[in-house]
């Protein structure tokens, strides 16, 4: 997933406003598991595992025991602002 040619850059305020309350805030808390991250990005869970194993989520994910936890706001910035078309 890459943002080739896109000028879309989400601001911190835009991200915060999206999760300020209601359905989105309940469904997607600040720290996500793989399942919720996949739902948020509208991709299969296997894609999130792949991105993580390729090092594409290092700025927004960490391993807690055997589980991957993803910081929602940073994840959205990676998706929309940085893109995922390259391994860092």
Protein backbone atom coordinates (compact mmCIF):
# COMPACT_ATOMS: atom_id res chain seq x y z
CA UNK A 1 0.00 0.00 0.00
CA UNK A 2 1.65 3.19 -1.09
CA UNK A 3 0.62 6.79 -1.39
CA UNK A 4 2.30 7.41 -4.76
CA UNK A 5 1.24 10.80 -6.09
CA UNK A 6 -0.98 11.53 -3.12
CA UNK A 7 -0.91 14.84 -1.28
CA UNK A 8 -3.01 13.39 1.53
CA UNK A 9 -1.38 14.10 4.86
CA UNK A 10 -3.50 13.49 7.93
CA UNK A 11 -2.89 15.89 10.78
CA UNK A 12 -2.95 14.93 14.45
CA UNK A 13 -6.15 16.96 14.83
CA UNK A 14 -7.88 15.12 11.97
CA UNK A 15 -6.99 11.75 13.46
CA UNK A 16 -8.08 12.80 16.95
CA UNK A 17 -11.38 14.16 15.64
CA UNK A 18 -12.12 10.85 13.89
CA UNK A 19 -11.94 8.98 17.20
CA UNK A 20 -13.34 11.64 19.53
CA UNK A 21 -16.43 9.62 20.36
CA UNK A 22 -19.12 7.29 19.18
CA UNK A 23 -18.75 4.13 17.12
CA UNK A 24 -15.19 4.73 15.88
CA UNK A 25 -13.86 5.44 19.37
CA UNK A 26 -15.49 2.30 20.76
CA UNK A 27 -14.43 0.01 17.93
CA UNK A 28 -10.87 1.32 17.60
CA UNK A 29 -9.22 2.19 20.95
CA UNK A 30 -5.79 3.91 21.03
CA UNK A 31 -3.93 0.57 21.14
CA UNK A 32 -5.04 -2.03 18.60
CA UNK A 33 -4.55 -5.75 18.26
CA UNK A 34 -3.99 -7.30 14.83
CA UNK A 35 -7.70 -7.94 14.28
CA UNK A 36 -8.73 -4.35 14.96
CA UNK A 37 -5.84 -2.91 12.94
CA UNK A 38 -6.90 -5.07 9.99
CA UNK A 39 -10.50 -3.87 10.31
CA UNK A 40 -9.37 -0.26 10.49
CA UNK A 41 -7.18 -0.58 7.39
CA UNK A 42 -9.77 -2.79 5.65
CA UNK A 43 -7.21 -5.49 4.88
CA UNK A 44 -6.88 -9.16 5.90
CA UNK A 45 -5.15 -9.88 9.21
CA UNK A 46 -2.44 -11.70 7.24
CA UNK A 47 -1.56 -8.38 5.60
CA UNK A 48 -0.94 -6.75 8.98
CA UNK A 49 1.27 -9.69 10.00
CA UNK A 50 3.14 -9.38 6.68
CA UNK A 51 3.67 -5.63 7.03
CA UNK A 52 4.92 -6.14 10.57
CA UNK A 53 7.29 -8.98 9.65
CA UNK A 54 8.72 -6.87 6.79
CA UNK A 55 9.44 -4.02 9.20
CA UNK A 56 6.87 -1.64 7.75
CA UNK A 57 5.17 -1.04 11.10
CA UNK A 58 8.23 -0.45 13.29
CA UNK A 59 7.21 3.15 14.00
CA UNK A 60 3.76 2.17 15.25
CA UNK A 61 3.85 -1.44 16.50
CA UNK A 62 5.49 -3.35 19.32
CA UNK A 63 5.43 -6.91 20.52
CA UNK A 64 4.04 -7.58 23.98
CA UNK A 65 4.85 -11.19 24.78
CA UNK A 66 3.69 -13.08 21.72
CA UNK A 67 1.15 -10.41 20.73
CA UNK A 68 1.59 -7.43 18.40
CA UNK A 69 0.12 -4.15 19.61
CA UNK A 70 -0.32 -1.23 17.25
CA UNK A 71 -0.69 2.40 18.25
CA UNK A 72 -3.73 3.52 16.24
CA UNK A 73 -2.81 7.13 15.52
CA UNK A 74 0.73 6.30 14.40
CA UNK A 75 -0.64 3.43 12.32
CA UNK A 76 -2.92 5.82 10.45
CA UNK A 77 -0.03 8.18 9.83
CA UNK A 78 2.02 5.30 8.41
CA UNK A 79 -0.89 4.28 6.17
CA UNK A 80 -1.85 7.71 4.92
CA UNK A 81 1.23 9.90 5.26
CA UNK A 82 4.22 7.62 4.79
CA UNK A 83 2.81 4.77 2.72
CA UNK A 84 3.74 1.11 2.93
CA UNK A 85 5.26 0.56 -0.50
CA UNK A 86 8.82 0.16 0.69
CA UNK A 87 10.79 -1.65 3.37
CA UNK A 88 12.78 0.72 5.55
